[in-house]
């Protein structure tokens, strides 16, 4: 995962891409749950529950995977491929011809 604002949004390893996809799914799901609460219509807008509600174990696994993805995102991926994705980027505070 890119650790700066260089624009390498999807660069890196496959697990890093999976983490990003899981976080997008989790973010959209919780956004819809919150929107349903604000609208107050009492409907179930939990997409994961709607799709996997008949398989509670699978639904639970999806929630756990999204939680693990959040933890991985907090600490960042330190594999060689992810670190190399930003290897060409200049640090934000680097000054040309600097010290």
PDB file of N, CA and C in Angstrom:
ATOM      1  N   UNK A   1       0.836  -1.169   0.000  1.00  0.00           N
ATOM      2  CA  UNK A   1       0.000   0.000   0.000  1.00  0.00           C
ATOM      3  C   UNK A   1       0.877   1.226   0.000  1.00  0.00           C
ATOM      4  N   UNK A   2       0.461   2.174  -0.737  1.00  0.00           N
ATOM      5  CA  UNK A   2       1.247   3.393  -0.834  1.00  0.00           C
ATOM      6  C   UNK A   2       1.104   4.193   0.460  1.00  0.00           C
ATOM      7  N   UNK A   3       2.224   4.642   0.974  1.00  0.00           N
ATOM      8  CA  UNK A   3       2.210   5.348   2.250  1.00  0.00           C
ATOM      9  C   UNK A   3       2.324   6.853   2.081  1.00  0.00           C
ATOM     10  N   UNK A   4       2.149   7.340   0.865  1.00  0.00           N
ATOM     11  CA  UNK A   4       2.197   8.782   0.634  1.00  0.00           C
ATOM     12  C   UNK A   4       1.063   9.157  -0.304  1.00  0.00           C
ATOM     13  N   UNK A   5       1.047  10.383  -0.712  1.00  0.00           N
ATOM     14  CA  UNK A   5      -0.009  10.860  -1.607  1.00  0.00           C
ATOM     15  C   UNK A   5       0.496  10.887  -3.041  1.00  0.00           C
ATOM     16  N   UNK A   6       1.137   9.820  -3.475  1.00  0.00           N
ATOM     17  CA  UNK A   6       1.767   9.808  -4.787  1.00  0.00           C
ATOM     18  C   UNK A   6       0.829   9.382  -5.909  1.00  0.00           C
ATOM     19  N   UNK A   7      -0.316   8.837  -5.585  1.00  0.00           N
ATOM     20  CA  UNK A   7      -1.255   8.437  -6.617  1.00  0.00           C
ATOM     21  C   UNK A   7      -1.210   6.966  -6.974  1.00  0.00           C
ATOM     22  N   UNK A   8      -0.404   6.157  -6.301  1.00  0.00           N
ATOM     23  CA  UNK A   8      -0.382   4.711  -6.536  1.00  0.00           C
ATOM     24  C   UNK A   8      -1.542   4.067  -5.789  1.00  0.00           C
ATOM     25  N   UNK A   9      -2.762   4.338  -6.238  1.00  0.00           N
ATOM     26  CA  UNK A   9      -3.933   3.872  -5.504  1.00  0.00           C
ATOM     27  C   UNK A   9      -4.073   2.364  -5.542  1.00  0.00           C
ATOM     28  N   UNK A  10      -3.785   1.727  -6.658  1.00  0.00           N
ATOM     29  CA  UNK A  10      -4.024   0.294  -6.782  1.00  0.00           C
ATOM     30  C   UNK A  10      -2.727  -0.484  -6.944  1.00  0.00           C
ATOM     31  N   UNK A  11      -1.598   0.152  -6.732  1.00  0.00           N
ATOM     32  CA  UNK A  11      -0.326  -0.538  -6.833  1.00  0.00           C
ATOM     33  C   UNK A  11      -0.103  -1.445  -5.637  1.00  0.00           C
ATOM     34  N   UNK A  12       0.771  -2.415  -5.788  1.00  0.00           N
ATOM     35  CA  UNK A  12       1.096  -3.272  -4.668  1.00  0.00           C
ATOM     36  C   UNK A  12       0.730  -4.712  -4.927  1.00  0.00           C
ATOM     37  N   UNK A  13       0.676  -5.471  -3.851  1.00  0.00           N
ATOM     38  CA  UNK A  13       0.460  -6.910  -3.936  1.00  0.00           C
ATOM     39  C   UNK A  13      -1.029  -7.254  -3.993  1.00  0.00           C
ATOM     40  N   UNK A  14      -1.317  -8.510  -4.283  1.00  0.00           N
ATOM     41  CA  UNK A  14      -2.696  -8.983  -4.359  1.00  0.00           C
ATOM     42  C   UNK A  14      -3.417  -8.863  -3.009  1.00  0.00           C
ATOM     43  N   UNK A  15      -2.791  -9.244  -1.883  1.00  0.00           N
ATOM     44  CA  UNK A  15      -3.484  -9.045  -0.603  1.00  0.00           C
ATOM     45  C   UNK A  15      -3.847  -7.578  -0.353  1.00  0.00           C
ATOM     46  N   UNK A  16      -3.001  -6.671  -0.792  1.00  0.00           N
ATOM     47  CA  UNK A  16      -3.299  -5.248  -0.629  1.00  0.00           C
ATOM     48  C   UNK A  16      -4.541  -4.864  -1.427  1.00  0.00           C
ATOM     49  N   UNK A  17      -4.679  -5.398  -2.626  1.00  0.00           N
ATOM     50  CA  UNK A  17      -5.855  -5.139  -3.445  1.00  0.00           C
ATOM     51  C   UNK A  17      -7.109  -5.737  -2.799  1.00  0.00           C
ATOM     52  N   UNK A  18      -6.991  -6.942  -2.256  1.00  0.00           N
ATOM     53  CA  UNK A  18      -8.123  -7.590  -1.574  1.00  0.00           C
ATOM     54  C   UNK A  18      -8.552  -6.759  -0.366  1.00  0.00           C
ATOM     55  N   UNK A  19      -7.590  -6.232   0.385  1.00  0.00           N
ATOM     56  CA  UNK A  19      -7.895  -5.382   1.537  1.00  0.00           C
ATOM     57  C   UNK A  19      -8.683  -4.160   1.088  1.00  0.00           C
ATOM     58  N   UNK A  20      -8.252  -3.530   0.015  1.00  0.00           N
ATOM     59  CA  UNK A  20      -8.948  -2.344  -0.467  1.00  0.00           C
ATOM     60  C   UNK A  20     -10.367  -2.666  -0.905  1.00  0.00           C
ATOM     61  N   UNK A  21     -10.561  -3.789  -1.584  1.00  0.00           N
ATOM     62  CA  UNK A  21     -11.898  -4.186  -2.023  1.00  0.00           C
ATOM     63  C   UNK A  21     -12.793  -4.474  -0.817  1.00  0.00           C
ATOM     64  N   UNK A  22     -12.261  -5.185   0.174  1.00  0.00           N
ATOM     65  CA  UNK A  22     -13.046  -5.484   1.378  1.00  0.00           C
ATOM     66  C   UNK A  22     -13.437  -4.209   2.127  1.00  0.00           C
ATOM     67  N   UNK A  23     -12.532  -3.241   2.178  1.00  0.00           N
ATOM     68  CA  UNK A  23     -12.847  -1.991   2.860  1.00  0.00           C
ATOM     69  C   UNK A  23     -13.899  -1.192   2.103  1.00  0.00           C
ATOM     70  N   UNK A  24     -13.870  -1.256   0.790  1.00  0.00           N
ATOM     71  CA  UNK A  24     -14.899  -0.589  -0.004  1.00  0.00           C
ATOM     72  C   UNK A  24     -16.257  -1.243   0.249  1.00  0.00           C
ATOM     73  N   UNK A  25     -16.290  -2.569   0.234  1.00  0.00           N
ATOM     74  CA  UNK A  25     -17.534  -3.302   0.505  1.00  0.00           C
ATOM     75  C   UNK A  25     -18.057  -2.960   1.901  1.00  0.00           C
ATOM     76  N   UNK A  26     -17.173  -3.002   2.895  1.00  0.00           N
ATOM     77  CA  UNK A  26     -17.577  -2.692   4.269  1.00  0.00           C
ATOM     78  C   UNK A  26     -18.044  -1.257   4.428  1.00  0.00           C
ATOM     79  N   UNK A  27     -17.349  -0.336   3.770  1.00  0.00           N
ATOM     80  CA  UNK A  27     -17.731   1.072   3.871  1.00  0.00           C
ATOM     81  C   UNK A  27     -19.090   1.348   3.245  1.00  0.00           C
ATOM     82  N   UNK A  28     -19.327   0.784   2.073  1.00  0.00           N
ATOM     83  CA  UNK A  28     -20.623   0.961   1.421  1.00  0.00           C
ATOM     84  C   UNK A  28     -21.728   0.317   2.258  1.00  0.00           C
ATOM     85  N   UNK A  29     -21.460  -0.880   2.775  1.00  0.00           N
ATOM     86  CA  UNK A  29     -22.460  -1.574   3.582  1.00  0.00           C
ATOM     87  C   UNK A  29     -22.840  -0.754   4.815  1.00  0.00           C
ATOM     88  N   UNK A  30     -21.843  -0.282   5.568  1.00  0.00           N
ATOM     89  CA  UNK A  30     -22.152   0.483   6.773  1.00  0.00           C
ATOM     90  C   UNK A  30     -22.752   1.839   6.441  1.00  0.00           C
ATOM     91  N   UNK A  31     -22.384   2.413   5.314  1.00  0.00           N
ATOM     92  CA  UNK A  31     -23.009   3.660   4.876  1.00  0.00           C
ATOM     93  C   UNK A  31     -24.490   3.471   4.609  1.00  0.00           C
ATOM     94  N   UNK A  32     -24.842   2.357   3.968  1.00  0.00           N
ATOM     95  CA  UNK A  32     -26.253   2.064   3.703  1.00  0.00           C
ATOM     96  C   UNK A  32     -27.020   1.778   4.987  1.00  0.00           C
ATOM     97  N   UNK A  33     -26.382   1.069   5.931  1.00  0.00           N
ATOM     98  CA  UNK A  33     -27.025   0.807   7.220  1.00  0.00           C
ATOM     99  C   UNK A  33     -27.306   2.129   7.938  1.00  0.00           C
ATOM    100  N   UNK A  34     -26.339   3.018   7.947  1.00  0.00           N
ATOM    101  CA  UNK A  34     -26.526   4.325   8.577  1.00  0.00           C
ATOM    102  C   UNK A  34     -27.595   5.152   7.883  1.00  0.00           C
ATOM    103  N   UNK A  35     -27.610   5.111   6.557  1.00  0.00           N
ATOM    104  CA  UNK A  35     -28.619   5.843   5.802  1.00  0.00           C
ATOM    105  C   UNK A  35     -30.024   5.320   6.111  1.00  0.00           C
ATOM    106  N   UNK A  36     -30.154   4.001   6.219  1.00  0.00           N
ATOM    107  CA  UNK A  36     -31.459   3.412   6.562  1.00  0.00           C
ATOM    108  C   UNK A  36     -31.914   3.872   7.945  1.00  0.00           C
ATOM    109  N   UNK A  37     -30.976   3.988   8.884  1.00  0.00           N
ATOM    110  CA  UNK A  37     -31.324   4.462  10.221  1.00  0.00           C
ATOM    111  C   UNK A  37     -31.760   5.927  10.192  1.00  0.00           C
ATOM    112  N   UNK A  38     -31.078   6.734   9.381  1.00  0.00           N
ATOM    113  CA  UNK A  38     -31.435   8.152   9.289  1.00  0.00           C
ATOM    114  C   UNK A  38     -32.772   8.360   8.594  1.00  0.00           C
ATOM    115  N   UNK A  39     -33.028   7.576   7.569  1.00  0.00           N
ATOM    116  CA  UNK A  39     -34.293   7.684   6.849  1.00  0.00           C
ATOM    117  C   UNK A  39     -35.428   7.200   7.736  1.00  0.00           C
ATOM    118  N   UNK A  40     -35.132   6.216   8.574  1.00  0.00           N
ATOM    119  CA  UNK A  40     -36.094   5.737   9.550  1.00  0.00           C
ATOM    120  C   UNK A  40     -37.223   4.907   8.975  1.00  0.00           C
ATOM    121  N   UNK A  41     -36.962   4.261   7.850  1.00  0.00           N
ATOM    122  CA  UNK A  41     -38.037   3.465   7.257  1.00  0.00           C
ATOM    123  C   UNK A  41     -38.076   2.047   7.819  1.00  0.00           C
ATOM    124  N   UNK A  42     -37.142   1.702   8.659  1.00  0.00           N
ATOM    125  CA  UNK A  42     -37.134   0.385   9.281  1.00  0.00           C
ATOM    126  C   UNK A  42     -36.710  -0.737   8.367  1.00  0.00           C
ATOM    127  N   UNK A  43     -36.292  -0.403   7.161  1.00  0.00           N
ATOM    128  CA  UNK A  43     -35.865  -1.438   6.214  1.00  0.00           C
ATOM    129  C   UNK A  43     -34.465  -1.936   6.505  1.00  0.00           C
ATOM    130  N   UNK A  44     -34.168  -3.098   5.988  1.00  0.00           N
ATOM    131  CA  UNK A  44     -32.841  -3.685   6.142  1.00  0.00           C
ATOM    132  C   UNK A  44     -32.009  -3.343   4.910  1.00  0.00           C
ATOM    133  N   UNK A  45     -31.093  -2.393   5.059  1.00  0.00           N
ATOM    134  CA  UNK A  45     -30.226  -2.002   3.957  1.00  0.00           C
ATOM    135  C   UNK A  45     -28.836  -2.607   4.119  1.00  0.00           C
ATOM    136  N   UNK A  46     -28.691  -3.569   4.985  1.00  0.00           N
ATOM    137  CA  UNK A  46     -27.422  -4.259   5.186  1.00  0.00           C
ATOM    138  C   UNK A  46     -27.259  -5.251   4.030  1.00  0.00           C
ATOM    139  N   UNK A  47     -26.481  -4.848   3.027  1.00  0.00           N
ATOM    140  CA  UNK A  47     -26.351  -5.635   1.796  1.00  0.00           C
ATOM    141  C   UNK A  47     -25.731  -7.001   2.078  1.00  0.00           C
ATOM    142  N   UNK A  48     -24.750  -7.056   2.970  1.00  0.00           N
ATOM    143  CA  UNK A  48     -24.125  -8.342   3.299  1.00  0.00           C
ATOM    144  C   UNK A  48     -25.163  -9.280   3.900  1.00  0.00           C
ATOM    145  N   UNK A  49     -26.000  -8.755   4.781  1.00  0.00           N
ATOM    146  CA  UNK A  49     -27.055  -9.571   5.385  1.00  0.00           C
ATOM    147  C   UNK A  49     -28.095  -9.985   4.358  1.00  0.00           C
ATOM    148  N   UNK A  50     -28.443  -9.085   3.456  1.00  0.00           N
ATOM    149  CA  UNK A  50     -29.429  -9.416   2.428  1.00  0.00           C
ATOM    150  C   UNK A  50     -28.926 -10.514   1.497  1.00  0.00           C
ATOM    151  N   UNK A  51     -27.622 -10.455   1.161  1.00  0.00           N
ATOM    152  CA  UNK A  51     -27.057 -11.451   0.242  1.00  0.00           C
ATOM    153  C   UNK A  51     -26.724 -12.769   0.932  1.00  0.00           C
ATOM    154  N   UNK A  52     -26.244 -12.690   2.175  1.00  0.00           N
ATOM    155  CA  UNK A  52     -25.738 -13.887   2.854  1.00  0.00           C
ATOM    156  C   UNK A  52     -26.498 -14.244   4.127  1.00  0.00           C
ATOM    157  N   UNK A  53     -27.636 -13.619   4.349  1.00  0.00           N
ATOM    158  CA  UNK A  53     -28.392 -13.838   5.587  1.00  0.00           C
ATOM    159  C   UNK A  53     -28.812 -15.274   5.812  1.00  0.00           C
ATOM    160  N   UNK A  54     -29.006 -16.013   4.724  1.00  0.00           N
ATOM    161  CA  UNK A  54     -29.402 -17.416   4.891  1.00  0.00           C
ATOM    162  C   UNK A  54     -28.210 -18.292   5.270  1.00  0.00           C
ATOM    163  N   UNK A  55     -27.009 -17.740   5.182  1.00  0.00           N
ATOM    164  CA  UNK A  55     -25.777 -18.440   5.584  1.00  0.00           C
ATOM    165  C   UNK A  55     -25.082 -17.607   6.662  1.00  0.00           C
ATOM    166  N   UNK A  56     -25.548 -17.675   7.890  1.00  0.00           N
ATOM    167  CA  UNK A  56     -24.995 -16.807   8.937  1.00  0.00           C
ATOM    168  C   UNK A  56     -23.499 -16.992   9.173  1.00  0.00           C
ATOM    169  N   UNK A  57     -22.993 -18.196   8.976  1.00  0.00           N
ATOM    170  CA  UNK A  57     -21.553 -18.415   9.178  1.00  0.00           C
ATOM    171  C   UNK A  57     -20.757 -17.657   8.114  1.00  0.00           C
ATOM    172  N   UNK A  58     -21.209 -17.720   6.866  1.00  0.00           N
ATOM    173  CA  UNK A  58     -20.529 -17.009   5.782  1.00  0.00           C
ATOM    174  C   UNK A  58     -20.637 -15.499   6.001  1.00  0.00           C
ATOM    175  N   UNK A  59     -21.791 -15.048   6.442  1.00  0.00           N
ATOM    176  CA  UNK A  59     -21.969 -13.622   6.738  1.00  0.00           C
ATOM    177  C   UNK A  59     -20.987 -13.177   7.825  1.00  0.00           C
ATOM    178  N   UNK A  60     -20.856 -13.984   8.869  1.00  0.00           N
ATOM    179  CA  UNK A  60     -19.903 -13.674   9.936  1.00  0.00           C
ATOM    180  C   UNK A  60     -18.469 -13.639   9.437  1.00  0.00           C
ATOM    181  N   UNK A  61     -18.133 -14.562   8.536  1.00  0.00           N
ATOM    182  CA  UNK A  61     -16.781 -14.591   7.970  1.00  0.00           C
ATOM    183  C   UNK A  61     -16.498 -13.316   7.188  1.00  0.00           C
ATOM    184  N   UNK A  62     -17.487 -12.840   6.433  1.00  0.00           N
ATOM    185  CA  UNK A  62     -17.305 -11.593   5.673  1.00  0.00           C
ATOM    186  C   UNK A  62     -17.038 -10.432   6.623  1.00  0.00           C
ATOM    187  N   UNK A  63     -17.808 -10.352   7.716  1.00  0.00           N
ATOM    188  CA  UNK A  63     -17.592  -9.275   8.682  1.00  0.00           C
ATOM    189  C   UNK A  63     -16.208  -9.358   9.318  1.00  0.00           C
ATOM    190  N   UNK A  64     -15.765 -10.562   9.646  1.00  0.00           N
ATOM    191  CA  UNK A  64     -14.430 -10.741  10.232  1.00  0.00           C
ATOM    192  C   UNK A  64     -13.352 -10.341   9.221  1.00  0.00           C
ATOM    193  N   UNK A  65     -13.527 -10.725   7.963  1.00  0.00           N
ATOM    194  CA  UNK A  65     -12.547 -10.361   6.930  1.00  0.00           C
ATOM    195  C   UNK A  65     -12.463  -8.848   6.740  1.00  0.00           C
ATOM    196  N   UNK A  66     -13.599  -8.161   6.793  1.00  0.00           N
ATOM    197  CA  UNK A  66     -13.586  -6.701   6.679  1.00  0.00           C
ATOM    198  C   UNK A  66     -12.853  -6.094   7.877  1.00  0.00           C
ATOM    199  N   UNK A  67     -13.067  -6.651   9.063  1.00  0.00           N
ATOM    200  CA  UNK A  67     -12.357  -6.170  10.249  1.00  0.00           C
ATOM    201  C   UNK A  67     -10.860  -6.392  10.153  1.00  0.00           C
ATOM    202  N   UNK A  68     -10.462  -7.559   9.675  1.00  0.00           N
ATOM    203  CA  UNK A  68      -9.037  -7.848   9.485  1.00  0.00           C
ATOM    204  C   UNK A  68      -8.450  -6.908   8.437  1.00  0.00           C
ATOM    205  N   UNK A  69      -9.209  -6.640   7.385  1.00  0.00           N
ATOM    206  CA  UNK A  69      -8.744  -5.722   6.344  1.00  0.00           C
ATOM    207  C   UNK A  69      -8.492  -4.334   6.922  1.00  0.00           C
ATOM    208  N   UNK A  70      -9.344  -3.896   7.836  1.00  0.00           N
ATOM    209  CA  UNK A  70      -9.150  -2.588   8.464  1.00  0.00           C
ATOM    210  C   UNK A  70      -7.866  -2.568   9.291  1.00  0.00           C
ATOM    211  N   UNK A  71      -7.607  -3.644  10.005  1.00  0.00           N
ATOM    212  CA  UNK A  71      -6.377  -3.720  10.801  1.00  0.00           C
ATOM    213  C   UNK A  71      -5.153  -3.726   9.895  1.00  0.00           C
ATOM    214  N   UNK A  72      -5.202  -4.481   8.814  1.00  0.00           N
ATOM    215  CA  UNK A  72      -4.079  -4.511   7.861  1.00  0.00           C
ATOM    216  C   UNK A  72      -3.862  -3.130   7.268  1.00  0.00           C
ATOM    217  N   UNK A  73      -4.934  -2.414   6.957  1.00  0.00           N
ATOM    218  CA  UNK A  73      -4.814  -1.073   6.386  1.00  0.00           C
ATOM    219  C   UNK A  73      -4.189  -0.103   7.382  1.00  0.00           C
ATOM    220  N   UNK A  74      -4.524  -0.260   8.658  1.00  0.00           N
ATOM    221  CA  UNK A  74      -3.947   0.619   9.684  1.00  0.00           C
ATOM    222  C   UNK A  74      -2.431   0.468   9.723  1.00  0.00           C
ATOM    223  N   UNK A  75      -1.953  -0.771   9.705  1.00  0.00           N
ATOM    224  CA  UNK A  75      -0.517  -1.008   9.820  1.00  0.00           C
ATOM    225  C   UNK A  75       0.193  -0.988   8.479  1.00  0.00           C
ATOM    226  N   UNK A  76      -0.529  -1.143   7.390  1.00  0.00           N
ATOM    227  CA  UNK A  76       0.059  -1.105   6.057  1.00  0.00           C
ATOM    228  C   UNK A  76       0.783  -2.390   5.716  1.00  0.00           C
ATOM    229  N   UNK A  77       0.850  -2.652   4.445  1.00  0.00           N
ATOM    230  CA  UNK A  77       1.549  -3.831   3.950  1.00  0.00           C
ATOM    231  C   UNK A  77       3.026  -3.495   3.794  1.00  0.00           C
ATOM    232  N   UNK A  78       3.870  -4.345   4.282  1.00  0.00           N
ATOM    233  CA  UNK A  78       5.316  -4.095   4.235  1.00  0.00           C
ATOM    234  C   UNK A  78       6.033  -5.055   3.286  1.00  0.00           C
ATOM    235  N   UNK A  79       5.278  -5.701   2.389  1.00  0.00           N
ATOM    236  CA  UNK A  79       5.932  -6.632   1.467  1.00  0.00           C
ATOM    237  C   UNK A  79       6.759  -5.847   0.445  1.00  0.00           C
ATOM    238  N   UNK A  80       7.680  -6.532  -0.204  1.00  0.00           N
ATOM    239  CA  UNK A  80       8.587  -5.875  -1.150  1.00  0.00           C
ATOM    240  C   UNK A  80       7.837  -5.213  -2.299  1.00  0.00           C
ATOM    241  N   UNK A  81       6.791  -5.873  -2.795  1.00  0.00           N
ATOM    242  CA  UNK A  81       6.055  -5.332  -3.930  1.00  0.00           C
ATOM    243  C   UNK A  81       5.337  -4.031  -3.558  1.00  0.00           C
ATOM    244  N   UNK A  82       4.738  -3.995  -2.376  1.00  0.00           N
ATOM    245  CA  UNK A  82       4.030  -2.784  -1.944  1.00  0.00           C
ATOM    246  C   UNK A  82       5.015  -1.652  -1.663  1.00  0.00           C
ATOM    247  N   UNK A  83       6.116  -1.982  -1.058  1.00  0.00           N
ATOM    248  CA  UNK A  83       7.105  -0.949  -0.763  1.00  0.00           C
ATOM    249  C   UNK A  83       7.746  -0.430  -2.048  1.00  0.00           C
ATOM    250  N   UNK A  84       7.905  -1.300  -3.052  1.00  0.00           N
ATOM    251  CA  UNK A  84       8.482  -0.881  -4.326  1.00  0.00           C
ATOM    252  C   UNK A  84       7.511  -0.018  -5.120  1.00  0.00           C
ATOM    253  N   UNK A  85       6.208  -0.178  -4.882  1.00  0.00           N
ATOM    254  CA  UNK A  85       5.216   0.623  -5.601  1.00  0.00           C
ATOM    255  C   UNK A  85       5.432   2.098  -5.335  1.00  0.00           C
ATOM    256  N   UNK A  86       5.971   2.432  -4.171  1.00  0.00           N
ATOM    257  CA  UNK A  86       6.242   3.823  -3.838  1.00  0.00           C
ATOM    258  C   UNK A  86       7.731   4.132  -3.917  1.00  0.00           C
ATOM    259  N   UNK A  87       8.526   3.191  -4.359  1.00  0.00           N
ATOM    260  CA  UNK A  87       9.963   3.410  -4.430  1.00  0.00           C
ATOM    261  C   UNK A  87      10.363   4.489  -5.414  1.00  0.00           C
ATOM    262  N   UNK A  88       9.520   4.729  -6.416  1.00  0.00           N
ATOM    263  CA  UNK A  88       9.834   5.757  -7.396  1.00  0.00           C
ATOM    264  C   UNK A  88       9.321   7.119  -6.979  1.00  0.00           C
ATOM    265  N   UNK A  89       8.513   7.159  -5.938  1.00  0.00           N
ATOM    266  CA  UNK A  89       7.956   8.425  -5.475  1.00  0.00           C
ATOM    267  C   UNK A  89       8.981   9.166  -4.631  1.00  0.00           C
ATOM    268  N   UNK A  90       8.965  10.463  -4.772  1.00  0.00           N
ATOM    269  CA  UNK A  90       9.842  11.262  -3.942  1.00  0.00           C
ATOM    270  C   UNK A  90       9.118  11.577  -2.644  1.00  0.00           C
ATOM    271  N   UNK A  91       9.817  11.516  -1.536  1.00  0.00           N
ATOM    272  CA  UNK A  91       9.181  11.885  -0.269  1.00  0.00           C
ATOM    273  C   UNK A  91       8.665  13.311  -0.343  1.00  0.00           C
ATOM    274  N   UNK A  92       7.573  13.572   0.366  1.00  0.00           N
ATOM    275  CA  UNK A  92       6.926  14.869   0.306  1.00  0.00           C
ATOM    276  C   UNK A  92       7.820  16.000   0.798  1.00  0.00           C
ATOM    277  N   UNK A  93       8.686  15.735   1.748  1.00  0.00           N
ATOM    278  CA  UNK A  93       9.508  16.812   2.311  1.00  0.00           C
ATOM    279  C   UNK A  93      10.916  16.838   1.729  1.00  0.00           C
ATOM    280  N   UNK A  94      11.158  16.080   0.656  1.00  0.00           N
ATOM    281  CA  UNK A  94      12.479  16.075   0.032  1.00  0.00           C
ATOM    282  C   UNK A  94      12.641  17.315  -0.832  1.00  0.00           C
ATOM    283  N   UNK A  95      13.776  17.955  -0.710  1.00  0.00           N
ATOM    284  CA  UNK A  95      14.062  19.156  -1.483  1.00  0.00           C
ATOM    285  C   UNK A  95      15.148  18.824  -2.485  1.00  0.00           C
ATOM    286  N   UNK A  96      14.941  19.207  -3.775  1.00  0.00           N
ATOM    287  CA  UNK A  96      15.938  18.914  -4.781  1.00  0.00           C
ATOM    288  C   UNK A  96      17.243  19.625  -4.472  1.00  0.00           C
ATOM    289  N   UNK A  97      18.320  18.881  -4.674  1.00  0.00           N
ATOM    290  CA  UNK A  97      19.643  19.437  -4.409  1.00  0.00           C
ATOM    291  C   UNK A  97      19.822  19.764  -2.944  1.00  0.00           C
ATOM    292  N   UNK A  98      19.000  19.148  -2.137  1.00  0.00           N
ATOM    293  CA  UNK A  98      18.967  19.470  -0.698  1.00  0.00           C
ATOM    294  C   UNK A  98      20.135  18.895   0.063  1.00  0.00           C
ATOM    295  N   UNK A  99      19.970  18.868   1.326  1.00  0.00           N
ATOM    296  CA  UNK A  99      21.019  18.540   2.260  1.00  0.00           C
ATOM    297  C   UNK A  99      21.457  17.149   2.157  1.00  0.00           C
TER     298      UNK A  99
END
